[in-house]
Amino acid sequence: MASKRVKGATTGRRAKGVRRAEQTGIMQKVLQKQAALGALNAASRIERVEMMRQGVPAALLTLLSEEMEISREKLYATIGMSRATADRKVKAQRLLSSSESERALGMAQLVGQVQEIVRQSGDSERFSAARWVADWLDRPHPALGGRRPGALMDTAEGRGLVSDLVAQMQSGAYA
C-alpha cells in the first residue's frame, strides 16, 4: 500500500510539474505574441508602409484573433477579407497582399493605440486592449450615427474614423 501511495504521490508531483511546464510554455507564447504586436505598434509610419507593401505574414491574423478572443472568421469579416483566401494563406504560411496587410495592420494598430492609452493611465497590467477593442468594435456608437465601429474597419477611411474616435475618447470628448 505504501508503495502505491508513493507512486501516486510521485505521479501527482510529476503531473503538477507537467502542468507548470505547460503553463510556462503558454505564458511564453503569450509574451511572444504581445511582443510581436508591440513591435508592430512601435514601428514608425514609414516602417508600417514598407510592411504593408512587402506584405505581413498571414499568421498575424491568427495572432489578432487569439489576442482579441474572437474567431478568425469574425476578424476576417470585420476587416473585409475573404475567409477562403485568408485561411489558405494562414495554412500555407504566406504573406498577405499589400491591401490585406494594410487591413490587418490597421487592426493591430488600433489595439496598440488602446494599449498605449491604458499604459499612460498607469494600470495596464491586467487589461487586455485586444479584448476591449473586440468588444468595443461590436457596440453601436452615437458619434458614428449609431453604427458599430467594426463596420468601418474594412476601409482606410473607416479605420481612420475609428482611430480618431478612440483618440477623442481618450481626451474625454466621447466618454
N, C-alpha and C. Protein backbone atom coordinates (compact mmCIF):
# COMPACT_ATOMS: atom_id res chain seq x y z
N MET A 1 0.80 -1.19 0.00
CA MET A 1 0.00 0.00 0.00
C MET A 1 0.85 1.26 0.00
N ALA A 2 1.89 1.25 0.84
CA ALA A 2 2.74 2.43 0.94
C ALA A 2 3.41 2.72 -0.39
N SER A 3 3.79 1.67 -1.11
CA SER A 3 4.44 1.90 -2.40
C SER A 3 3.48 2.51 -3.39
N LYS A 4 2.21 2.14 -3.31
CA LYS A 4 1.22 2.74 -4.19
C LYS A 4 1.05 4.22 -3.88
N ARG A 5 1.04 4.55 -2.60
CA ARG A 5 0.91 5.96 -2.22
C ARG A 5 2.10 6.76 -2.73
N VAL A 6 3.28 6.21 -2.54
CA VAL A 6 4.48 6.91 -3.00
C VAL A 6 4.44 7.07 -4.51
N LYS A 7 4.07 5.97 -5.18
CA LYS A 7 3.98 6.03 -6.63
C LYS A 7 2.93 7.06 -7.05
N GLY A 8 1.79 7.06 -6.40
CA GLY A 8 0.75 8.02 -6.71
C GLY A 8 1.20 9.45 -6.42
N ALA A 9 1.90 9.61 -5.32
CA ALA A 9 2.40 10.95 -4.97
C ALA A 9 3.41 11.42 -5.99
N THR A 10 4.26 10.51 -6.42
CA THR A 10 5.26 10.87 -7.43
C THR A 10 4.57 11.24 -8.73
N THR A 11 3.58 10.44 -9.11
CA THR A 11 2.83 10.73 -10.34
C THR A 11 2.13 12.07 -10.22
N GLY A 12 1.56 12.35 -9.05
CA GLY A 12 0.90 13.63 -8.83
C GLY A 12 1.86 14.80 -8.94
N ARG A 13 3.06 14.65 -8.35
CA ARG A 13 4.08 15.71 -8.46
C ARG A 13 4.51 15.89 -9.91
N ARG A 14 4.67 14.76 -10.60
CA ARG A 14 5.08 14.83 -12.00
C ARG A 14 4.01 15.53 -12.83
N ALA A 15 2.75 15.21 -12.57
CA ALA A 15 1.64 15.84 -13.28
C ALA A 15 1.62 17.35 -13.01
N LYS A 16 1.87 17.73 -11.75
CA LYS A 16 1.92 19.16 -11.43
C LYS A 16 3.07 19.82 -12.17
N GLY A 17 4.20 19.12 -12.25
CA GLY A 17 5.36 19.66 -12.97
C GLY A 17 5.06 19.83 -14.45
N VAL A 18 4.35 18.88 -15.03
CA VAL A 18 3.96 18.97 -16.44
C VAL A 18 3.01 20.15 -16.64
N ARG A 19 2.03 20.29 -15.72
CA ARG A 19 1.10 21.42 -15.82
C ARG A 19 1.84 22.75 -15.71
N ARG A 20 2.79 22.82 -14.78
CA ARG A 20 3.58 24.06 -14.64
C ARG A 20 4.35 24.34 -15.92
N ALA A 21 4.95 23.31 -16.49
CA ALA A 21 5.71 23.47 -17.73
C ALA A 21 4.79 23.93 -18.86
N GLU A 22 3.60 23.34 -18.93
CA GLU A 22 2.64 23.76 -19.95
C GLU A 22 2.24 25.21 -19.74
N GLN A 23 1.97 25.59 -18.48
CA GLN A 23 1.59 26.97 -18.19
C GLN A 23 2.72 27.92 -18.54
N THR A 24 3.96 27.52 -18.24
CA THR A 24 5.11 28.35 -18.58
C THR A 24 5.20 28.51 -20.09
N GLY A 25 5.00 27.41 -20.81
CA GLY A 25 5.02 27.46 -22.27
C GLY A 25 3.94 28.37 -22.82
N ILE A 26 2.75 28.28 -22.23
CA ILE A 26 1.65 29.14 -22.65
C ILE A 26 1.99 30.60 -22.37
N MET A 27 2.55 30.87 -21.19
CA MET A 27 2.93 32.24 -20.86
C MET A 27 3.98 32.77 -21.83
N GLN A 28 4.96 31.93 -22.19
CA GLN A 28 5.99 32.36 -23.13
C GLN A 28 5.37 32.69 -24.48
N LYS A 29 4.42 31.88 -24.92
CA LYS A 29 3.74 32.15 -26.19
C LYS A 29 2.97 33.46 -26.12
N VAL A 30 2.27 33.68 -25.01
CA VAL A 30 1.52 34.93 -24.84
C VAL A 30 2.47 36.12 -24.87
N LEU A 31 3.58 36.01 -24.15
CA LEU A 31 4.56 37.11 -24.14
C LEU A 31 5.15 37.34 -25.52
N GLN A 32 5.41 36.27 -26.26
CA GLN A 32 5.93 36.41 -27.61
C GLN A 32 4.91 37.11 -28.50
N LYS A 33 3.64 36.74 -28.35
CA LYS A 33 2.58 37.35 -29.13
C LYS A 33 2.45 38.84 -28.80
N GLN A 34 2.49 39.13 -27.50
CA GLN A 34 2.39 40.53 -27.09
C GLN A 34 3.58 41.32 -27.61
N ALA A 35 4.76 40.70 -27.60
CA ALA A 35 5.96 41.37 -28.12
C ALA A 35 5.82 41.61 -29.62
N ALA A 36 5.24 40.64 -30.33
CA ALA A 36 5.06 40.80 -31.77
C ALA A 36 4.11 41.95 -32.06
N LEU A 37 2.99 42.02 -31.33
CA LEU A 37 2.06 43.14 -31.52
C LEU A 37 2.71 44.45 -31.10
N GLY A 38 3.47 44.41 -30.01
CA GLY A 38 4.16 45.61 -29.56
C GLY A 38 5.14 46.12 -30.60
N ALA A 39 5.86 45.20 -31.24
CA ALA A 39 6.82 45.59 -32.27
C ALA A 39 6.11 46.22 -33.46
N LEU A 40 4.96 45.69 -33.82
CA LEU A 40 4.19 46.29 -34.92
C LEU A 40 3.77 47.70 -34.57
N ASN A 41 3.34 47.89 -33.34
CA ASN A 41 2.86 49.20 -32.92
C ASN A 41 4.00 50.19 -32.70
N ALA A 42 5.19 49.68 -32.40
CA ALA A 42 6.34 50.56 -32.18
C ALA A 42 6.96 51.01 -33.50
N ALA A 43 6.60 50.34 -34.59
CA ALA A 43 7.17 50.70 -35.89
C ALA A 43 6.73 52.10 -36.28
N SER A 44 7.61 52.81 -36.96
CA SER A 44 7.26 54.15 -37.44
C SER A 44 6.25 54.03 -38.57
N ARG A 45 5.66 55.12 -38.95
CA ARG A 45 4.68 55.10 -40.04
C ARG A 45 5.33 54.65 -41.34
N ILE A 46 6.56 55.11 -41.58
CA ILE A 46 7.29 54.69 -42.78
C ILE A 46 7.53 53.19 -42.76
N GLU A 47 7.92 52.66 -41.61
CA GLU A 47 8.15 51.22 -41.49
C GLU A 47 6.87 50.43 -41.73
N ARG A 48 5.74 50.95 -41.23
CA ARG A 48 4.47 50.26 -41.45
C ARG A 48 4.08 50.28 -42.92
N VAL A 49 4.35 51.40 -43.59
CA VAL A 49 4.08 51.47 -45.04
C VAL A 49 4.89 50.41 -45.77
N GLU A 50 6.16 50.27 -45.39
CA GLU A 50 7.00 49.25 -46.02
C GLU A 50 6.49 47.85 -45.71
N MET A 51 6.04 47.62 -44.47
CA MET A 51 5.47 46.31 -44.12
C MET A 51 4.26 46.02 -44.99
N MET A 52 3.41 47.03 -45.18
CA MET A 52 2.21 46.86 -45.99
C MET A 52 2.58 46.52 -47.43
N ARG A 53 3.56 47.22 -47.95
CA ARG A 53 3.97 46.98 -49.33
C ARG A 53 4.56 45.59 -49.53
N GLN A 54 5.37 45.16 -48.57
CA GLN A 54 6.02 43.85 -48.67
C GLN A 54 5.07 42.71 -48.30
N GLY A 55 4.08 43.02 -47.50
CA GLY A 55 3.15 42.01 -47.02
C GLY A 55 3.60 41.49 -45.66
N VAL A 56 2.64 41.32 -44.78
CA VAL A 56 2.93 40.76 -43.46
C VAL A 56 2.53 39.29 -43.46
N PRO A 57 3.14 38.50 -42.59
CA PRO A 57 2.76 37.08 -42.52
C PRO A 57 1.28 36.93 -42.18
N ALA A 58 0.63 36.01 -42.85
CA ALA A 58 -0.79 35.75 -42.60
C ALA A 58 -1.02 35.31 -41.16
N ALA A 59 0.01 34.82 -40.51
CA ALA A 59 -0.11 34.40 -39.10
C ALA A 59 -0.54 35.57 -38.21
N LEU A 60 -0.35 36.80 -38.67
CA LEU A 60 -0.81 37.95 -37.89
C LEU A 60 -2.32 37.85 -37.66
N LEU A 61 -3.05 37.31 -38.62
CA LEU A 61 -4.50 37.17 -38.47
C LEU A 61 -4.84 36.23 -37.32
N THR A 62 -4.10 35.13 -37.23
CA THR A 62 -4.32 34.19 -36.14
C THR A 62 -3.98 34.84 -34.81
N LEU A 63 -2.86 35.54 -34.77
CA LEU A 63 -2.44 36.23 -33.56
C LEU A 63 -3.50 37.24 -33.11
N LEU A 64 -3.99 38.04 -34.03
CA LEU A 64 -5.01 39.03 -33.68
C LEU A 64 -6.28 38.36 -33.16
N SER A 65 -6.74 37.32 -33.85
CA SER A 65 -7.98 36.68 -33.40
C SER A 65 -7.81 36.05 -32.02
N GLU A 66 -6.64 35.48 -31.75
CA GLU A 66 -6.39 34.90 -30.43
C GLU A 66 -6.33 35.97 -29.36
N GLU A 67 -5.61 37.04 -29.63
CA GLU A 67 -5.48 38.11 -28.64
C GLU A 67 -6.82 38.81 -28.39
N MET A 68 -7.62 38.95 -29.45
CA MET A 68 -8.91 39.61 -29.32
C MET A 68 -9.98 38.64 -28.79
N GLU A 69 -9.64 37.36 -28.75
CA GLU A 69 -10.56 36.32 -28.32
C GLU A 69 -11.82 36.30 -29.16
N ILE A 70 -11.62 36.39 -30.48
CA ILE A 70 -12.73 36.27 -31.44
C ILE A 70 -12.30 35.23 -32.48
N SER A 71 -13.27 34.71 -33.20
CA SER A 71 -12.94 33.74 -34.24
C SER A 71 -12.23 34.45 -35.39
N ARG A 72 -11.44 33.68 -36.11
CA ARG A 72 -10.78 34.25 -37.29
C ARG A 72 -11.83 34.72 -38.29
N GLU A 73 -12.92 33.97 -38.40
CA GLU A 73 -13.97 34.35 -39.34
C GLU A 73 -14.54 35.73 -39.01
N LYS A 74 -14.72 36.00 -37.72
CA LYS A 74 -15.24 37.31 -37.33
C LYS A 74 -14.21 38.40 -37.64
N LEU A 75 -12.94 38.11 -37.38
CA LEU A 75 -11.89 39.07 -37.71
C LEU A 75 -11.87 39.33 -39.21
N TYR A 76 -11.91 38.27 -40.01
CA TYR A 76 -11.89 38.42 -41.47
C TYR A 76 -13.06 39.30 -41.94
N ALA A 77 -14.24 39.03 -41.40
CA ALA A 77 -15.41 39.82 -41.79
C ALA A 77 -15.25 41.28 -41.40
N THR A 78 -14.70 41.51 -40.22
CA THR A 78 -14.53 42.89 -39.73
C THR A 78 -13.58 43.68 -40.61
N ILE A 79 -12.50 43.06 -41.05
CA ILE A 79 -11.53 43.80 -41.86
C ILE A 79 -11.73 43.58 -43.36
N GLY A 80 -12.81 42.90 -43.73
CA GLY A 80 -13.18 42.76 -45.13
C GLY A 80 -12.28 41.84 -45.93
N MET A 81 -11.95 40.69 -45.35
CA MET A 81 -11.12 39.72 -46.05
C MET A 81 -11.92 38.45 -46.33
N SER A 82 -11.63 37.85 -47.46
CA SER A 82 -12.25 36.58 -47.81
C SER A 82 -11.76 35.49 -46.88
N ARG A 83 -12.69 34.74 -46.34
CA ARG A 83 -12.33 33.65 -45.41
C ARG A 83 -11.45 32.62 -46.10
N ALA A 84 -11.83 32.22 -47.30
CA ALA A 84 -11.07 31.18 -48.01
C ALA A 84 -9.65 31.63 -48.31
N THR A 85 -9.50 32.84 -48.78
CA THR A 85 -8.17 33.37 -49.09
C THR A 85 -7.32 33.48 -47.83
N ALA A 86 -7.91 34.05 -46.78
CA ALA A 86 -7.16 34.23 -45.53
C ALA A 86 -6.75 32.88 -44.94
N ASP A 87 -7.68 31.94 -44.88
CA ASP A 87 -7.36 30.62 -44.33
C ASP A 87 -6.27 29.93 -45.15
N ARG A 88 -6.35 30.05 -46.47
CA ARG A 88 -5.34 29.43 -47.34
C ARG A 88 -3.96 30.02 -47.06
N LYS A 89 -3.88 31.33 -46.91
CA LYS A 89 -2.60 31.99 -46.67
C LYS A 89 -2.06 31.66 -45.27
N VAL A 90 -2.94 31.57 -44.30
CA VAL A 90 -2.51 31.20 -42.94
C VAL A 90 -1.95 29.79 -42.96
N LYS A 91 -2.69 28.87 -43.58
CA LYS A 91 -2.27 27.47 -43.61
C LYS A 91 -0.94 27.30 -44.35
N ALA A 92 -0.76 28.02 -45.45
CA ALA A 92 0.46 27.91 -46.26
C ALA A 92 1.59 28.79 -45.74
N GLN A 93 1.33 29.51 -44.65
CA GLN A 93 2.32 30.42 -44.05
C GLN A 93 2.85 31.42 -45.08
N ARG A 94 1.92 32.03 -45.80
CA ARG A 94 2.27 33.01 -46.84
C ARG A 94 2.09 34.42 -46.33
N LEU A 95 2.52 35.35 -47.14
CA LEU A 95 2.34 36.76 -46.83
C LEU A 95 0.99 37.23 -47.35
N LEU A 96 0.43 38.20 -46.65
CA LEU A 96 -0.80 38.83 -47.12
C LEU A 96 -0.45 39.82 -48.22
N SER A 97 -1.39 40.11 -49.10
CA SER A 97 -1.18 41.13 -50.12
C SER A 97 -1.04 42.48 -49.43
N SER A 98 -0.67 43.49 -50.18
CA SER A 98 -0.49 44.81 -49.56
C SER A 98 -1.80 45.34 -48.99
N SER A 99 -2.91 45.16 -49.70
CA SER A 99 -4.18 45.67 -49.16
C SER A 99 -4.64 44.84 -47.95
N GLU A 100 -4.42 43.53 -47.98
CA GLU A 100 -4.75 42.70 -46.83
C GLU A 100 -3.87 43.05 -45.64
N SER A 101 -2.59 43.29 -45.91
CA SER A 101 -1.66 43.68 -44.85
C SER A 101 -2.08 45.00 -44.23
N GLU A 102 -2.52 45.92 -45.06
CA GLU A 102 -2.96 47.22 -44.55
C GLU A 102 -4.13 47.06 -43.59
N ARG A 103 -5.07 46.20 -43.93
CA ARG A 103 -6.23 45.99 -43.06
C ARG A 103 -5.85 45.28 -41.77
N ALA A 104 -5.00 44.26 -41.87
CA ALA A 104 -4.56 43.54 -40.66
C ALA A 104 -3.74 44.45 -39.76
N LEU A 105 -2.83 45.21 -40.34
CA LEU A 105 -2.02 46.14 -39.55
C LEU A 105 -2.89 47.25 -38.95
N GLY A 106 -3.93 47.65 -39.66
CA GLY A 106 -4.85 48.65 -39.12
C GLY A 106 -5.51 48.18 -37.84
N MET A 107 -5.89 46.91 -37.82
CA MET A 107 -6.49 46.35 -36.60
C MET A 107 -5.45 46.27 -35.49
N ALA A 108 -4.25 45.81 -35.84
CA ALA A 108 -3.18 45.73 -34.84
C ALA A 108 -2.85 47.12 -34.30
N GLN A 109 -2.87 48.10 -35.17
CA GLN A 109 -2.57 49.47 -34.75
C GLN A 109 -3.65 50.00 -33.80
N LEU A 110 -4.90 49.67 -34.05
CA LEU A 110 -5.98 50.10 -33.15
C LEU A 110 -5.81 49.48 -31.77
N VAL A 111 -5.47 48.20 -31.73
CA VAL A 111 -5.21 47.53 -30.45
C VAL A 111 -4.04 48.23 -29.74
N GLY A 112 -3.00 48.54 -30.49
CA GLY A 112 -1.85 49.23 -29.92
C GLY A 112 -2.19 50.62 -29.41
N GLN A 113 -3.06 51.30 -30.12
CA GLN A 113 -3.48 52.64 -29.70
C GLN A 113 -4.19 52.57 -28.35
N VAL A 114 -5.08 51.60 -28.21
CA VAL A 114 -5.80 51.43 -26.94
C VAL A 114 -4.83 51.02 -25.84
N GLN A 115 -3.92 50.11 -26.16
CA GLN A 115 -2.94 49.66 -25.17
C GLN A 115 -2.10 50.83 -24.67
N GLU A 116 -1.72 51.71 -25.57
CA GLU A 116 -0.91 52.87 -25.18
C GLU A 116 -1.71 53.82 -24.29
N ILE A 117 -2.96 54.01 -24.59
CA ILE A 117 -3.81 54.87 -23.75
C ILE A 117 -3.88 54.30 -22.33
N VAL A 118 -4.09 52.99 -22.24
CA VAL A 118 -4.20 52.35 -20.93
C VAL A 118 -2.85 52.39 -20.22
N ARG A 119 -1.77 52.17 -20.95
CA ARG A 119 -0.43 52.23 -20.34
C ARG A 119 -0.17 53.61 -19.75
N GLN A 120 -0.58 54.64 -20.46
CA GLN A 120 -0.39 56.01 -19.96
C GLN A 120 -1.23 56.28 -18.72
N SER A 121 -2.33 55.55 -18.57
CA SER A 121 -3.17 55.75 -17.40
C SER A 121 -2.57 55.13 -16.15
N GLY A 122 -1.61 54.21 -16.34
CA GLY A 122 -0.87 53.67 -15.21
C GLY A 122 -1.22 52.27 -14.76
N ASP A 123 -2.30 51.67 -15.25
CA ASP A 123 -2.65 50.32 -14.77
C ASP A 123 -3.01 49.42 -15.95
N SER A 124 -2.03 49.07 -16.75
CA SER A 124 -2.29 48.27 -17.93
C SER A 124 -2.00 46.79 -17.73
N GLU A 125 -1.51 46.42 -16.55
CA GLU A 125 -1.07 45.04 -16.31
C GLU A 125 -2.20 44.02 -16.48
N ARG A 126 -3.36 44.30 -15.97
CA ARG A 126 -4.46 43.33 -16.02
C ARG A 126 -5.48 43.64 -17.10
N PHE A 127 -5.17 44.53 -17.99
CA PHE A 127 -6.11 44.97 -19.02
C PHE A 127 -5.73 44.36 -20.36
N SER A 128 -6.69 43.80 -21.06
CA SER A 128 -6.46 43.27 -22.40
C SER A 128 -7.02 44.25 -23.41
N ALA A 129 -6.13 45.04 -24.00
CA ALA A 129 -6.56 46.01 -25.01
C ALA A 129 -7.21 45.30 -26.19
N ALA A 130 -6.65 44.17 -26.59
CA ALA A 130 -7.20 43.44 -27.73
C ALA A 130 -8.63 42.99 -27.46
N ARG A 131 -8.88 42.47 -26.27
CA ARG A 131 -10.22 42.02 -25.91
C ARG A 131 -11.18 43.20 -25.83
N TRP A 132 -10.72 44.31 -25.25
CA TRP A 132 -11.55 45.51 -25.15
C TRP A 132 -11.92 46.00 -26.54
N VAL A 133 -10.93 46.06 -27.45
CA VAL A 133 -11.20 46.51 -28.82
C VAL A 133 -12.25 45.61 -29.48
N ALA A 134 -12.10 44.29 -29.32
CA ALA A 134 -13.06 43.36 -29.92
C ALA A 134 -14.48 43.65 -29.43
N ASP A 135 -14.64 43.88 -28.14
CA ASP A 135 -15.97 44.18 -27.59
C ASP A 135 -16.47 45.54 -28.07
N TRP A 136 -15.60 46.53 -28.02
CA TRP A 136 -15.98 47.90 -28.38
C TRP A 136 -16.38 48.00 -29.85
N LEU A 137 -15.68 47.28 -30.72
CA LEU A 137 -15.99 47.33 -32.15
C LEU A 137 -17.41 46.85 -32.45
N ASP A 138 -17.98 46.04 -31.57
CA ASP A 138 -19.31 45.48 -31.80
C ASP A 138 -20.45 46.35 -31.26
N ARG A 139 -20.12 47.40 -30.52
CA ARG A 139 -21.16 48.24 -29.91
C ARG A 139 -21.45 49.47 -30.77
N PRO A 140 -22.72 49.72 -31.08
CA PRO A 140 -23.06 50.94 -31.82
C PRO A 140 -22.57 52.17 -31.05
N HIS A 141 -22.13 53.17 -31.80
CA HIS A 141 -21.60 54.37 -31.15
C HIS A 141 -22.31 55.60 -31.69
N PRO A 142 -22.78 56.49 -30.80
CA PRO A 142 -23.50 57.69 -31.23
C PRO A 142 -22.68 58.59 -32.15
N ALA A 143 -21.37 58.66 -31.94
CA ALA A 143 -20.53 59.52 -32.77
C ALA A 143 -20.43 59.01 -34.21
N LEU A 144 -20.84 57.78 -34.42
CA LEU A 144 -20.82 57.18 -35.76
C LEU A 144 -22.24 57.02 -36.30
N GLY A 145 -23.15 57.80 -35.78
CA GLY A 145 -24.53 57.72 -36.22
C GLY A 145 -25.19 56.40 -35.86
N GLY A 146 -24.76 55.81 -34.75
CA GLY A 146 -25.31 54.55 -34.31
C GLY A 146 -24.68 53.33 -34.96
N ARG A 147 -23.71 53.55 -35.82
CA ARG A 147 -23.01 52.42 -36.45
C ARG A 147 -22.03 51.80 -35.47
N ARG A 148 -21.73 50.53 -35.71
CA ARG A 148 -20.69 49.85 -34.95
C ARG A 148 -19.34 50.25 -35.54
N PRO A 149 -18.35 50.56 -34.71
CA PRO A 149 -17.02 50.89 -35.23
C PRO A 149 -16.45 49.77 -36.10
N GLY A 150 -16.74 48.51 -35.75
CA GLY A 150 -16.24 47.39 -36.53
C GLY A 150 -16.71 47.39 -37.97
N ALA A 151 -17.87 47.98 -38.22
CA ALA A 151 -18.40 48.04 -39.58
C ALA A 151 -17.59 48.97 -40.48
N LEU A 152 -16.70 49.73 -39.89
CA LEU A 152 -15.89 50.69 -40.66
C LEU A 152 -14.45 50.24 -40.86
N MET A 153 -14.08 49.11 -40.28
CA MET A 153 -12.68 48.68 -40.27
C MET A 153 -12.20 48.07 -41.58
N ASP A 154 -13.06 47.96 -42.57
CA ASP A 154 -12.66 47.35 -43.83
C ASP A 154 -12.11 48.34 -44.84
N THR A 155 -12.14 49.64 -44.50
CA THR A 155 -11.57 50.66 -45.40
C THR A 155 -10.60 51.54 -44.64
N ALA A 156 -9.67 52.13 -45.36
CA ALA A 156 -8.68 53.01 -44.73
C ALA A 156 -9.36 54.22 -44.08
N GLU A 157 -10.32 54.80 -44.76
CA GLU A 157 -11.03 55.95 -44.21
C GLU A 157 -11.80 55.56 -42.95
N GLY A 158 -12.43 54.40 -42.97
CA GLY A 158 -13.15 53.92 -41.80
C GLY A 158 -12.23 53.66 -40.62
N ARG A 159 -11.08 53.04 -40.90
CA ARG A 159 -10.11 52.80 -39.82
C ARG A 159 -9.63 54.13 -39.24
N GLY A 160 -9.48 55.13 -40.09
CA GLY A 160 -9.09 56.46 -39.61
C GLY A 160 -10.14 57.06 -38.70
N LEU A 161 -11.41 56.93 -39.09
CA LEU A 161 -12.51 57.43 -38.25
C LEU A 161 -12.53 56.74 -36.89
N VAL A 162 -12.35 55.42 -36.91
CA VAL A 162 -12.37 54.66 -35.66
C VAL A 162 -11.20 55.06 -34.77
N SER A 163 -10.03 55.19 -35.36
CA SER A 163 -8.85 55.61 -34.60
C SER A 163 -9.04 57.00 -34.01
N ASP A 164 -9.61 57.91 -34.81
CA ASP A 164 -9.89 59.26 -34.32
C ASP A 164 -10.88 59.22 -33.15
N LEU A 165 -11.87 58.34 -33.24
CA LEU A 165 -12.85 58.21 -32.17
C LEU A 165 -12.19 57.74 -30.87
N VAL A 166 -11.28 56.78 -30.99
CA VAL A 166 -10.56 56.31 -29.80
C VAL A 166 -9.74 57.45 -29.20
N ALA A 167 -9.10 58.23 -30.06
CA ALA A 167 -8.32 59.39 -29.57
C ALA A 167 -9.23 60.40 -28.87
N GLN A 168 -10.43 60.61 -29.41
CA GLN A 168 -11.36 61.53 -28.79
C GLN A 168 -11.85 61.00 -27.44
N MET A 169 -12.02 59.69 -27.35
CA MET A 169 -12.44 59.10 -26.08
C MET A 169 -11.36 59.32 -25.03
N GLN A 170 -10.11 59.24 -25.44
CA GLN A 170 -9.01 59.46 -24.51
C GLN A 170 -9.07 60.87 -23.94
N SER A 171 -9.41 61.83 -24.80
CA SER A 171 -9.47 63.22 -24.33
C SER A 171 -10.75 63.53 -23.58
N GLY A 172 -11.72 62.60 -23.61
CA GLY A 172 -12.95 62.80 -22.89
C GLY A 172 -14.07 63.36 -23.74
N ALA A 173 -13.83 63.55 -25.05
CA ALA A 173 -14.83 64.12 -25.92
C ALA A 173 -16.06 63.22 -26.07
N TYR A 174 -15.87 61.89 -26.05
CA TYR A 174 -16.99 60.94 -26.18
C TYR A 174 -17.00 59.94 -25.05
N ALA A 175 -16.56 60.34 -23.88
CA ALA A 175 -16.50 59.41 -22.74
C ALA A 175 -17.86 59.02 -22.26
